[in-house]
Amino acid sequence: MHTDRGVTAPNVVLLCVDEWRGDALSSAGHPHVETPHLDELARGGVRFSRAYSATPTCVPARVALFTGQSQEAHGRVGYEEGVPFDVAHPVTLQGEFRRAGYQTQAIGKMHVWPERSRSGFDDVILHDGFLHHVRRNRRQEFASFDDYVPWLRRQPGMTMDADYFDHGIDCNSVVARPWDKPESTHPTQWVGTMTTEWLHRRDPTRPFFLYLSFHRPHPPYDPPQWAFDQYLALPPYERTLGDWEDDWDEFRKDGDHKAAIGDLPDKVVHRARAGYYGLMAQIDLQINRIRETLVDFGVLDDTIIAFTSDHGEMMGDHRMFRKAVPYEGSAHVPLIIADTATRDDTSRGAVVDHVVELRDVMPTLLDLAGLPIPEGADGVSLAPAMRGDLTPPRDWLHGEHAYWNQSLQWVTDGRVKYVWGSAKGVEQLFDLTRDPGELRNLARLPEHSELRDLWRGRLVEALTGREEGFVTDGDLVTGRPVVTMLAPVRERLAGSR
């Protein structure tokens, strides 16, 4: 098989992690996190410093990643389980590679429904992490929805009822402790092991698209002991608060270890941070393991590698935890793409500061592989930027998420961000260049009213015509009912019944 550039079709590996903040790379200047192997990947490719997840929770973010579509196009504007993925989103990145003759394989987290839906992959080796409704409804019949637990129970020294939940840490909790079993049995290590086994079994006559999806550093914060200890020795955590957090006081749950917003003891957050960063250290090593395995099989030089996350993690910023909110800890994600397989003029070690998002990954990887981009994708190929084209793919980005009984709306160019809460009309404006921690709300200051009105107008532009009625006569309207799925996808699902 050949691309339209006259070279052998490249292999493509998409590494996706869960809940990894965009600033948590040593190559991005993080003061504590050490990611030497991801830094090496960035030195061999391009790091996009202003990449975002426009709908920053697992389900809608992965829809954007797989479909190459904005939330306006794919219709998922909140978190909703139990939606038949293949019906709602029939055109996918993996499906396009498969149509082009690629062998397509997923290993790790998919977070689609039904859980065993392949959604364009030839095969899926599945571990979605702790899914409460599935465990409850299937009564722990893991083989029907998970490949990791049956594998775990076959390992030496494991019992027939061994479980990743034996240590009792919740998958949405800040409670942290080291992994309670041999490191080789950790879900992160399992992805690397399954990748090696799959490379032995792959079809050597076809190029491959390999989606490697790590459940971590999403909670539970349970890295191996060495990784936990490495970050437990950090300076004590000190909370940082801006001048606006009281905007969301009605949602605070102080002392709740699973709260989205609320005060917790600094020592608890310190341990959570050690667990979170420790999981990153473990993933970084497994990425190196996978990369060296590609060398062993003689395919690294023919392989495009991309690394990103579905969303970030607030990790105590503004006394917030988890994701779904518009702030940098939640919505800013890492994105590295290394293309050594198709073009000699691809940049090496470049940092591109265009505002980009997860929907751009699909068209970029298809473009790099010399394949057509499907019509429905409204993401933009970043291949030109990887070859030195300084033209931004967009001037600004619109993001949103149904959360806290309202729609949290935001627009940004990576330098300025405007936030609007649909329930009561909360307005926030941040200068991300001077105030990357989003500590000072400029929307309240008369001297910034012109800038606020400019960005408010951009959100009005993005929301005009939306079914919720967020805009009337050119003004934002508060108190409107919100949905998690827009009408086109609801109609598609209804038509399939």
Protein backbone atom coordinates (compact mmCIF):
# COMPACT_ATOMS: atom_id res chain seq x y z
CA MET A 1 0.00 0.00 0.00
CA HIS A 2 1.24 3.51 -0.82
CA THR A 3 0.19 7.02 0.11
CA ASP A 4 -0.37 9.76 -2.44
CA ARG A 5 3.13 10.99 -1.66
CA GLY A 6 4.60 7.90 -3.22
CA VAL A 7 6.00 6.39 -0.02
CA THR A 8 5.02 3.26 1.84
CA ALA A 9 2.03 3.87 4.08
CA PRO A 10 3.17 4.74 7.60
CA ASN A 11 2.05 3.01 10.75
CA VAL A 12 0.26 5.26 13.23
CA VAL A 13 0.27 4.99 17.03
CA LEU A 14 -2.08 7.24 19.00
CA LEU A 15 -1.24 7.30 22.70
CA CYS A 16 -4.13 8.64 24.76
CA VAL A 17 -3.97 9.08 28.52
CA ASP A 18 -6.82 10.01 30.85
CA GLU A 19 -6.91 13.21 32.94
CA TRP A 20 -3.35 14.44 32.21
CA ARG A 21 -2.97 18.20 32.61
CA GLY A 22 -1.49 20.15 29.72
CA ASP A 23 1.20 21.73 31.89
CA ALA A 24 2.37 18.41 33.40
CA LEU A 25 5.40 17.80 31.17
CA SER A 26 8.97 18.64 32.07
CA SER A 27 9.39 19.89 28.49
CA ALA A 28 6.59 22.38 29.25
CA GLY A 29 8.51 23.67 32.25
CA HIS A 30 6.57 21.98 35.04
CA PRO A 31 8.43 22.55 38.34
CA HIS A 32 7.99 18.98 39.62
CA VAL A 33 6.85 16.49 36.95
CA GLU A 34 9.63 14.61 35.16
CA THR A 35 8.70 13.08 31.80
CA PRO A 36 12.04 12.29 30.09
CA HIS A 37 10.61 9.94 27.47
CA LEU A 38 7.74 12.19 26.47
CA ASP A 39 10.33 14.97 26.29
CA GLU A 40 12.30 12.75 23.91
CA LEU A 41 9.18 12.28 21.79
CA ALA A 42 8.72 16.05 21.70
CA ARG A 43 12.34 16.58 20.66
CA GLY A 44 11.67 14.29 17.70
CA GLY A 45 8.43 16.01 16.74
CA VAL A 46 6.21 18.95 17.55
CA ARG A 47 4.64 19.92 20.87
CA PHE A 48 1.46 21.99 20.68
CA SER A 49 1.56 24.19 23.77
CA ARG A 50 -2.03 25.48 23.54
CA ALA A 51 -4.03 22.30 22.97
CA TYR A 52 -7.49 22.00 24.51
CA SER A 53 -10.27 19.54 25.15
CA ALA A 54 -13.38 21.51 24.19
CA THR A 55 -15.70 19.24 26.20
CA PRO A 56 -13.40 18.14 29.03
CA THR A 57 -14.80 14.85 30.34
CA CYS A 58 -14.10 11.31 29.16
CA VAL A 59 -17.12 10.59 26.96
CA PRO A 60 -17.53 13.77 24.85
CA ALA A 61 -13.76 14.31 24.65
CA ARG A 62 -13.21 10.86 23.14
CA VAL A 63 -16.05 11.50 20.71
CA ALA A 64 -14.15 14.58 19.48
CA LEU A 65 -10.92 12.58 19.27
CA PHE A 66 -12.51 9.73 17.27
CA THR A 67 -14.74 11.83 14.99
CA GLY A 68 -12.63 14.92 14.29
CA GLN A 69 -15.65 17.04 15.12
CA SER A 70 -16.47 19.97 17.37
CA GLN A 71 -19.22 19.53 19.93
CA GLU A 72 -21.58 21.49 17.69
CA ALA A 73 -21.01 18.83 15.01
CA HIS A 74 -20.86 15.63 17.07
CA GLY A 75 -23.59 16.82 19.44
CA ARG A 76 -22.19 15.68 22.80
CA VAL A 77 -22.09 18.71 25.10
CA GLY A 78 -22.09 16.87 28.41
CA TYR A 79 -21.35 13.52 30.01
CA GLU A 80 -23.94 10.85 29.27
CA GLU A 81 -23.45 7.09 29.43
CA GLY A 82 -25.38 4.42 27.54
CA VAL A 83 -25.42 6.08 24.12
CA PRO A 84 -24.90 3.58 21.25
CA PHE A 85 -21.61 4.87 19.88
CA ASP A 86 -21.74 3.39 16.40
CA VAL A 87 -25.21 4.82 15.80
CA ALA A 88 -24.43 8.26 17.19
CA HIS A 89 -20.99 8.53 15.54
CA PRO A 90 -20.66 6.23 12.51
CA VAL A 91 -17.55 7.89 11.02
CA THR A 92 -14.39 7.51 13.11
CA LEU A 93 -10.65 7.94 12.84
CA GLN A 94 -10.06 4.21 13.23
CA GLY A 95 -12.81 3.43 10.74
CA GLU A 96 -11.17 5.62 8.11
CA PHE A 97 -7.83 3.88 8.62
CA ARG A 98 -9.57 0.52 8.38
CA ARG A 99 -11.27 1.53 5.11
CA ALA A 100 -7.85 2.41 3.76
CA GLY A 101 -6.54 -1.11 4.42
CA TYR A 102 -4.94 -0.56 7.83
CA GLN A 103 -5.04 -3.15 10.58
CA THR A 104 -6.72 -1.25 13.42
CA GLN A 105 -6.31 -2.20 17.07
CA ALA A 106 -7.28 -0.58 20.37
CA ILE A 107 -5.70 -1.52 23.70
CA GLY A 108 -6.98 -0.02 26.94
CA LYS A 109 -9.77 2.47 27.53
CA MET A 110 -12.52 3.06 24.96
CA HIS A 111 -15.40 4.37 27.11
CA VAL A 112 -18.04 3.66 24.48
CA TRP A 113 -21.35 1.83 24.74
CA PRO A 114 -21.94 -1.05 24.41
CA GLU A 115 -18.57 -1.64 26.03
CA ARG A 116 -17.55 -4.27 23.48
CA SER A 117 -18.42 -2.06 20.52
CA ARG A 118 -15.36 -1.88 18.26
CA SER A 119 -16.37 1.45 16.69
CA GLY A 120 -14.18 0.98 13.64
CA PHE A 121 -11.39 -1.14 15.14
CA ASP A 122 -10.65 -4.65 13.93
CA ASP A 123 -10.28 -5.64 17.57
CA VAL A 124 -10.27 -4.13 21.06
CA ILE A 125 -8.35 -5.38 24.12
CA LEU A 126 -10.40 -3.56 26.71
CA HIS A 127 -9.94 -1.96 30.12
CA ASP A 128 -12.10 1.09 30.79
CA GLY A 129 -11.26 1.29 34.49
CA PHE A 130 -13.92 1.27 37.18
CA LEU A 131 -17.34 1.64 35.52
CA HIS A 132 -19.89 1.65 38.34
CA HIS A 133 -22.99 0.90 36.29
CA VAL A 134 -21.34 -1.97 34.39
CA ARG A 135 -19.97 -3.66 37.50
CA ARG A 136 -23.38 -3.36 39.13
CA ASN A 137 -25.45 -4.46 36.14
CA ARG A 138 -23.16 -7.34 35.15
CA ARG A 139 -22.52 -8.41 38.75
CA GLN A 140 -18.75 -8.44 38.22
CA GLU A 141 -18.88 -10.74 35.19
CA PHE A 142 -15.71 -9.07 33.99
CA ALA A 143 -15.11 -11.19 30.90
CA SER A 144 -18.14 -9.58 29.26
CA PHE A 145 -16.82 -6.02 29.56
CA ASP A 146 -13.14 -6.10 30.58
CA ASP A 147 -10.02 -7.95 29.48
CA TYR A 148 -7.68 -6.78 32.24
CA VAL A 149 -9.29 -8.49 35.27
CA PRO A 150 -9.43 -11.98 33.67
CA TRP A 151 -5.76 -11.49 32.70
CA LEU A 152 -4.90 -10.34 36.25
CA ARG A 153 -6.46 -13.45 37.75
CA ARG A 154 -4.27 -15.66 35.55
CA GLN A 155 -1.05 -14.09 36.80
CA PRO A 156 1.22 -15.96 39.25
CA GLY A 157 0.28 -15.36 42.86
CA MET A 158 -3.14 -13.91 42.05
CA THR A 159 -6.39 -15.38 43.36
CA MET A 160 -9.45 -16.18 41.26
CA ASP A 161 -11.21 -13.11 42.66
CA ALA A 162 -8.34 -10.62 42.32
CA ASP A 163 -9.53 -7.15 41.31
CA TYR A 164 -8.02 -3.73 40.60
CA PHE A 165 -10.30 -2.48 43.40
CA ASP A 166 -8.77 -4.70 46.10
CA HIS A 167 -7.03 -1.66 47.62
CA GLY A 168 -10.38 0.12 47.93
CA ILE A 169 -9.43 3.46 46.34
CA ASP A 170 -12.33 5.05 44.50
CA CYS A 171 -11.96 6.03 40.84
CA ASN A 172 -13.10 9.61 41.53
CA SER A 173 -11.33 10.18 44.84
CA VAL A 174 -8.29 12.18 45.93
CA VAL A 175 -7.33 9.40 48.37
CA ALA A 176 -3.92 8.03 47.32
CA ARG A 177 -1.76 5.02 48.16
CA PRO A 178 0.76 2.82 46.31
CA TRP A 179 -0.35 -0.11 44.14
CA ASP A 180 -0.97 -3.19 46.28
CA LYS A 181 0.26 -5.86 43.83
CA PRO A 182 3.41 -6.52 41.78
CA GLU A 183 4.12 -3.61 39.44
CA SER A 184 3.89 -5.95 36.44
CA THR A 185 0.16 -6.34 37.15
CA HIS A 186 -0.69 -2.63 37.23
CA PRO A 187 -3.19 -1.53 34.52
CA THR A 188 -0.58 0.88 33.13
CA GLN A 189 1.97 -1.93 32.80
CA TRP A 190 -0.72 -4.15 31.27
CA VAL A 191 -1.12 -1.76 28.31
CA GLY A 192 2.59 -2.08 27.54
CA THR A 193 2.48 -5.86 27.88
CA MET A 194 -0.57 -6.21 25.65
CA THR A 195 1.08 -3.95 23.06
CA THR A 196 4.15 -6.16 22.88
CA GLU A 197 2.01 -9.29 22.55
CA TRP A 198 -0.07 -7.68 19.81
CA LEU A 199 2.98 -6.66 17.80
CA HIS A 200 3.98 -10.32 17.69
CA ARG A 201 0.54 -11.22 16.30
CA ARG A 202 -0.06 -8.33 13.88
CA ASP A 203 -0.38 -8.80 10.14
CA PRO A 204 3.08 -7.83 8.78
CA THR A 205 1.69 -7.26 5.27
CA ARG A 206 -0.46 -4.29 6.31
CA PRO A 207 0.23 -0.95 7.98
CA PHE A 208 -1.35 -0.57 11.40
CA PHE A 209 -3.26 2.05 13.35
CA LEU A 210 -2.73 1.33 17.04
CA TYR A 211 -4.72 3.20 19.70
CA LEU A 212 -3.09 2.76 23.10
CA SER A 213 -5.33 4.22 25.77
CA PHE A 214 -4.09 4.36 29.37
CA HIS A 215 -6.73 4.70 32.10
CA ARG A 216 -4.27 6.56 34.33
CA PRO A 217 -3.34 9.15 35.62
CA HIS A 218 -7.11 9.27 36.25
CA PRO A 219 -7.85 8.15 39.82
CA PRO A 220 -7.38 5.88 41.63
CA TYR A 221 -4.05 7.49 42.51
CA ASP A 222 -2.22 4.19 42.97
CA PRO A 223 1.22 4.26 41.31
CA PRO A 224 3.96 1.78 42.20
CA GLN A 225 5.72 2.48 45.51
CA TRP A 226 8.84 3.96 43.88
CA ALA A 227 6.78 6.43 41.86
CA PHE A 228 4.64 7.43 44.84
CA ASP A 229 7.74 7.98 46.99
CA GLN A 230 9.41 10.05 44.26
CA TYR A 231 6.70 12.70 44.46
CA LEU A 232 5.76 12.33 48.11
CA ALA A 233 9.05 14.13 48.79
CA LEU A 234 7.89 17.28 46.99
CA PRO A 235 7.61 20.55 48.92
CA PRO A 236 4.31 20.69 50.85
CA TYR A 237 1.26 21.57 48.78
CA GLU A 238 0.01 25.13 49.19
CA ARG A 239 -3.41 26.05 47.86
CA THR A 240 -3.69 28.92 45.41
CA LEU A 241 -6.91 30.90 45.21
CA GLY A 242 -7.96 33.73 42.93
CA ASP A 243 -10.41 36.57 43.47
CA TRP A 244 -13.42 34.77 41.98
CA GLU A 245 -13.90 31.27 43.47
CA ASP A 246 -16.92 32.43 45.46
CA ASP A 247 -18.78 32.50 42.12
CA TRP A 248 -19.27 28.75 42.60
CA ASP A 249 -19.66 28.54 46.41
CA GLU A 250 -23.09 26.92 46.16
CA PHE A 251 -21.43 23.79 44.75
CA ARG A 252 -18.74 23.47 47.43
CA LYS A 253 -18.56 20.27 49.46
CA ASP A 254 -15.78 20.93 51.93
CA GLY A 255 -14.11 17.81 53.28
CA ASP A 256 -15.58 15.50 50.61
CA HIS A 257 -12.79 13.43 49.04
CA LYS A 258 -14.84 13.03 45.83
CA ALA A 259 -16.05 16.62 45.55
CA ALA A 260 -15.60 18.63 42.37
CA ILE A 261 -15.08 21.76 44.47
CA GLY A 262 -14.38 22.12 48.18
CA ASP A 263 -11.67 22.62 50.75
CA LEU A 264 -9.57 19.62 51.74
CA PRO A 265 -6.61 19.46 54.12
CA ASP A 266 -3.37 20.40 52.37
CA LYS A 267 -1.78 17.08 53.43
CA VAL A 268 -4.54 15.16 51.60
CA VAL A 269 -3.98 17.10 48.39
CA HIS A 270 -0.22 16.65 48.81
CA ARG A 271 -0.65 12.86 48.79
CA ALA A 272 -3.08 13.05 45.87
CA ARG A 273 -0.52 15.05 43.94
CA ALA A 274 2.17 12.45 44.70
CA GLY A 275 -0.14 9.70 43.41
CA TYR A 276 -1.12 11.69 40.32
CA TYR A 277 2.43 12.61 39.33
CA GLY A 278 3.64 9.10 40.20
CA LEU A 279 1.17 7.62 37.70
CA MET A 280 2.60 9.98 35.08
CA ALA A 281 6.12 8.73 35.83
CA GLN A 282 4.95 5.14 35.34
CA ILE A 283 3.19 5.96 32.06
CA ASP A 284 6.27 7.79 30.80
CA LEU A 285 8.32 4.62 31.30
CA GLN A 286 5.72 2.47 29.56
CA ILE A 287 5.73 4.84 26.60
CA ASN A 288 9.48 4.33 26.40
CA ARG A 289 8.93 0.57 26.63
CA ILE A 290 6.47 0.74 23.73
CA ARG A 291 8.77 2.94 21.68
CA GLU A 292 11.72 0.58 22.17
CA THR A 293 9.47 -2.37 21.29
CA LEU A 294 8.71 -0.66 17.99
CA VAL A 295 12.50 -0.44 17.50
CA ASP A 296 12.84 -4.16 18.25
CA PHE A 297 10.24 -4.95 15.59
CA GLY A 298 11.97 -2.66 13.10
CA VAL A 299 8.99 -0.37 12.57
CA LEU A 300 9.73 2.78 14.58
CA ASP A 301 11.14 4.69 11.61
CA ASP A 302 7.96 3.91 9.68
CA THR A 303 5.61 5.01 12.45
CA ILE A 304 3.87 8.29 13.30
CA ILE A 305 3.37 8.68 17.06
CA ALA A 306 0.92 11.09 18.70
CA PHE A 307 0.37 11.64 22.41
CA THR A 308 -2.55 13.44 24.04
CA SER A 309 -5.13 13.29 26.85
CA ASP A 310 -8.91 13.44 26.87
CA HIS A 311 -8.88 16.24 29.47
CA GLY A 312 -6.93 17.48 32.47
CA GLU A 313 -7.34 17.46 36.26
CA MET A 314 -7.81 20.51 38.49
CA MET A 315 -5.77 18.95 41.33
CA GLY A 316 -6.68 21.56 43.92
CA ASP A 317 -6.46 24.66 41.73
CA HIS A 318 -9.14 27.07 43.01
CA ARG A 319 -10.11 24.32 45.51
CA MET A 320 -11.36 22.28 42.52
CA PHE A 321 -10.74 18.66 41.55
CA ARG A 322 -11.53 16.43 38.58
CA LYS A 323 -12.59 18.03 35.26
CA ALA A 324 -15.54 19.43 33.18
CA VAL A 325 -14.81 23.04 34.17
CA PRO A 326 -13.38 25.63 31.72
CA TYR A 327 -10.17 26.32 33.62
CA GLU A 328 -6.69 25.45 32.42
CA GLY A 329 -6.15 22.49 34.74
CA SER A 330 -9.25 20.84 33.29
CA ALA A 331 -9.39 21.94 29.64
CA HIS A 332 -5.72 22.35 28.65
CA VAL A 333 -4.21 19.05 27.45
CA PRO A 334 -0.82 17.88 26.17
CA LEU A 335 -0.39 17.20 22.45
CA ILE A 336 2.81 15.89 20.87
CA ILE A 337 3.04 14.52 17.32
CA ALA A 338 6.23 12.95 15.98
CA ASP A 339 6.26 12.13 12.26
CA THR A 340 9.47 10.46 11.17
CA ALA A 341 7.74 8.22 8.66
CA THR A 342 6.39 10.34 5.81
CA ARG A 343 8.29 13.60 5.34
CA ASP A 344 11.85 14.77 5.85
CA ASP A 345 10.74 18.39 6.31
CA THR A 346 8.68 17.78 9.45
CA SER A 347 9.90 19.93 12.33
CA ARG A 348 11.97 18.40 15.11
CA GLY A 349 11.76 19.81 18.61
CA ALA A 350 9.40 22.64 17.64
CA VAL A 351 6.82 24.17 19.94
CA VAL A 352 3.72 25.51 18.17
CA ASP A 353 1.50 27.91 20.11
CA HIS A 354 -1.58 27.86 17.86
CA VAL A 355 -4.81 27.14 19.72
CA VAL A 356 -5.72 23.57 18.74
CA GLU A 357 -8.01 20.89 20.13
CA LEU A 358 -8.75 17.18 20.18
CA ARG A 359 -10.88 17.33 17.02
CA ASP A 360 -7.72 18.26 15.09
CA VAL A 361 -6.05 14.91 15.85
CA MET A 362 -8.17 12.90 13.38
CA PRO A 363 -7.55 15.08 10.30
CA THR A 364 -3.89 15.48 11.24
CA LEU A 365 -3.15 11.76 11.44
CA LEU A 366 -5.12 10.99 8.26
CA ASP A 367 -3.34 13.82 6.44
CA LEU A 368 0.10 12.67 7.59
CA ALA A 369 -0.74 9.17 6.37
CA GLY A 370 -1.82 10.53 2.97
CA LEU A 371 -5.48 9.61 3.46
CA PRO A 372 -8.58 11.73 2.76
CA ILE A 373 -10.29 13.57 5.60
CA PRO A 374 -14.03 12.76 5.78
CA GLU A 375 -16.45 15.56 4.97
CA GLY A 376 -18.08 15.67 8.39
CA ALA A 377 -14.85 16.41 10.22
CA ASP A 378 -14.54 20.09 11.11
CA GLY A 379 -11.19 19.70 12.83
CA VAL A 380 -8.13 21.05 11.03
CA SER A 381 -5.03 19.15 9.97
CA LEU A 382 -1.98 20.32 11.88
CA ALA A 383 0.39 18.79 9.34
CA PRO A 384 1.17 22.21 7.79
CA ALA A 385 2.09 23.57 11.23
CA MET A 386 4.39 20.60 11.72
CA ARG A 387 6.21 21.65 8.54
CA GLY A 388 6.69 25.25 9.54
CA ASP A 389 3.48 26.90 8.31
CA LEU A 390 2.78 29.64 10.89
CA THR A 391 -0.85 30.17 9.82
CA PRO A 392 -3.10 29.43 12.83
CA PRO A 393 -5.83 26.84 12.14
CA ARG A 394 -8.37 29.09 13.92
CA ASP A 395 -8.47 32.45 15.67
CA TRP A 396 -10.22 31.16 18.78
CA LEU A 397 -11.87 28.08 20.22
CA HIS A 398 -15.31 27.49 21.74
CA GLY A 399 -15.64 25.00 24.58
CA GLU A 400 -18.46 23.99 26.90
CA HIS A 401 -19.82 21.37 29.26
CA ALA A 402 -23.14 20.77 31.00
CA TYR A 403 -22.13 20.82 34.67
CA TRP A 404 -23.31 22.15 38.01
CA ASN A 405 -26.93 22.26 36.77
CA GLN A 406 -26.06 24.62 33.94
CA SER A 407 -23.87 24.98 30.88
CA LEU A 408 -20.34 26.21 31.52
CA GLN A 409 -19.34 28.03 28.33
CA TRP A 410 -15.93 29.40 27.36
CA VAL A 411 -13.98 30.84 24.46
CA THR A 412 -10.21 31.29 24.22
CA ASP A 413 -7.30 31.86 21.88
CA GLY A 414 -4.88 30.43 24.44
CA ARG A 415 -3.98 33.94 25.57
CA VAL A 416 -7.33 35.31 26.75
CA LYS A 417 -10.24 33.27 28.10
CA TYR A 418 -13.85 34.28 28.66
CA VAL A 419 -16.11 32.07 30.84
CA TRP A 420 -19.90 32.25 31.20
CA GLY A 421 -22.17 30.23 33.48
CA SER A 422 -25.63 29.87 32.00
CA ALA A 423 -27.54 29.57 35.28
CA LYS A 424 -26.88 33.02 36.71
CA GLY A 425 -24.70 34.66 34.09
CA VAL A 426 -21.40 34.36 35.94
CA GLU A 427 -18.76 36.12 33.80
CA GLN A 428 -15.01 35.66 34.07
CA LEU A 429 -12.19 37.01 31.91
CA PHE A 430 -8.57 35.94 32.25
CA ASP A 431 -5.32 37.15 30.72
CA LEU A 432 -3.60 33.77 30.35
CA THR A 433 -0.31 35.34 29.27
CA ARG A 434 0.15 37.44 32.40
CA ASP A 435 -2.00 35.30 34.67
CA PRO A 436 -1.64 31.63 33.61
CA GLY A 437 -3.09 30.49 36.94
CA GLU A 438 -6.37 32.32 36.23
CA LEU A 439 -6.27 34.13 39.55
CA ARG A 440 -7.63 37.55 38.58
CA ASN A 441 -11.07 37.97 37.03
CA LEU A 442 -10.84 40.96 34.71
CA ALA A 443 -14.53 40.86 33.75
CA ARG A 444 -15.41 42.89 36.83
CA LEU A 445 -12.99 45.73 36.09
CA PRO A 446 -14.20 48.74 34.07
CA GLU A 447 -10.83 49.17 32.38
CA HIS A 448 -11.24 45.74 30.75
CA SER A 449 -14.87 46.16 29.65
CA GLU A 450 -13.93 46.50 25.98
CA LEU A 451 -11.94 43.25 26.02
CA ARG A 452 -14.76 41.54 27.93
CA ASP A 453 -17.33 42.69 25.38
CA LEU A 454 -15.15 41.46 22.50
CA TRP A 455 -14.94 37.96 23.96
CA ARG A 456 -18.56 37.93 25.09
CA GLY A 457 -19.44 38.73 21.48
CA ARG A 458 -17.44 35.72 20.31
CA LEU A 459 -19.38 33.45 22.64
CA VAL A 460 -22.63 34.99 21.37
CA GLU A 461 -21.45 34.16 17.84
CA ALA A 462 -20.73 30.55 18.83
CA LEU A 463 -24.10 30.09 20.57
CA THR A 464 -26.41 31.91 18.18
CA GLY A 465 -29.05 29.51 16.89
CA ARG A 466 -28.45 26.85 19.54
CA GLU A 467 -31.53 24.88 20.54
CA GLU A 468 -31.16 25.79 24.22
CA GLY A 469 -31.86 29.45 23.47
CA PHE A 470 -28.68 30.77 25.05
CA VAL A 471 -28.81 33.84 22.76
CA THR A 472 -31.74 36.19 22.09
CA ASP A 473 -31.45 39.45 20.16
CA GLY A 474 -27.67 39.25 20.30
CA ASP A 475 -27.47 38.86 24.10
CA LEU A 476 -26.67 35.90 26.33
CA VAL A 477 -29.73 34.56 28.15
CA THR A 478 -29.48 32.95 31.57
CA GLY A 479 -31.59 30.23 33.13
CA ARG A 480 -32.21 28.22 29.98
CA PRO A 481 -32.66 24.42 30.25
CA VAL A 482 -29.53 22.51 29.28
CA VAL A 483 -28.99 19.20 27.52
CA THR A 484 -26.10 16.75 27.29
CA MET A 485 -26.84 15.84 23.64
CA LEU A 486 -27.89 18.21 20.88
CA ALA A 487 -30.91 17.52 18.68
CA PRO A 488 -29.13 16.01 15.63
CA VAL A 489 -27.61 13.15 17.62
CA ARG A 490 -30.84 12.62 19.57
CA GLU A 491 -32.71 12.36 16.27
CA ARG A 492 -30.16 9.92 14.87
CA LEU A 493 -30.56 7.70 17.91
CA ALA A 494 -34.37 7.88 17.72
CA GLY A 495 -34.29 6.95 14.03
CA SER A 496 -32.28 3.79 14.78
CA ARG A 497 -34.87 2.32 17.15
